[in-house]
Amino acid sequence: MVDLPEIDEAACLKVIVDLVKIDSRTLTPNEGACTDHIARVMEELGIPSEVVPFGDEGRQNAVGTWGKGEGGGKTLLFNGCVLTSHPTGQYG
């Protein structure tokens, strides 16, 4: 069993604030900065992660795997969308 630390609400809020500050609008050159940030946070938490490219437009996903299911244990996969758009509703 994995021992989890106490939840640090200030640290959680900082992760979210830092993520929101990234100009990661879809189909812009900086879109990958968002998934790079998420992968970095997972690594800091001890969750092995990688950035996996997909498509022809330089897009990518952050993938982290916690546990390997060895000895009857379970694996946790976190999945979410980081799609963002300009306040006008326009992409890019």
Foldseek 3Di string as FASTA:
>chain_A
DDDDDDDDVVVVVVLVVVLVPQPQFPLDPRVCVNQVSVLVVCVVVVWHWDWAADDDRRDTHIWTWDDDCPPNDDIDTDDDDPHDDDPVRHTD
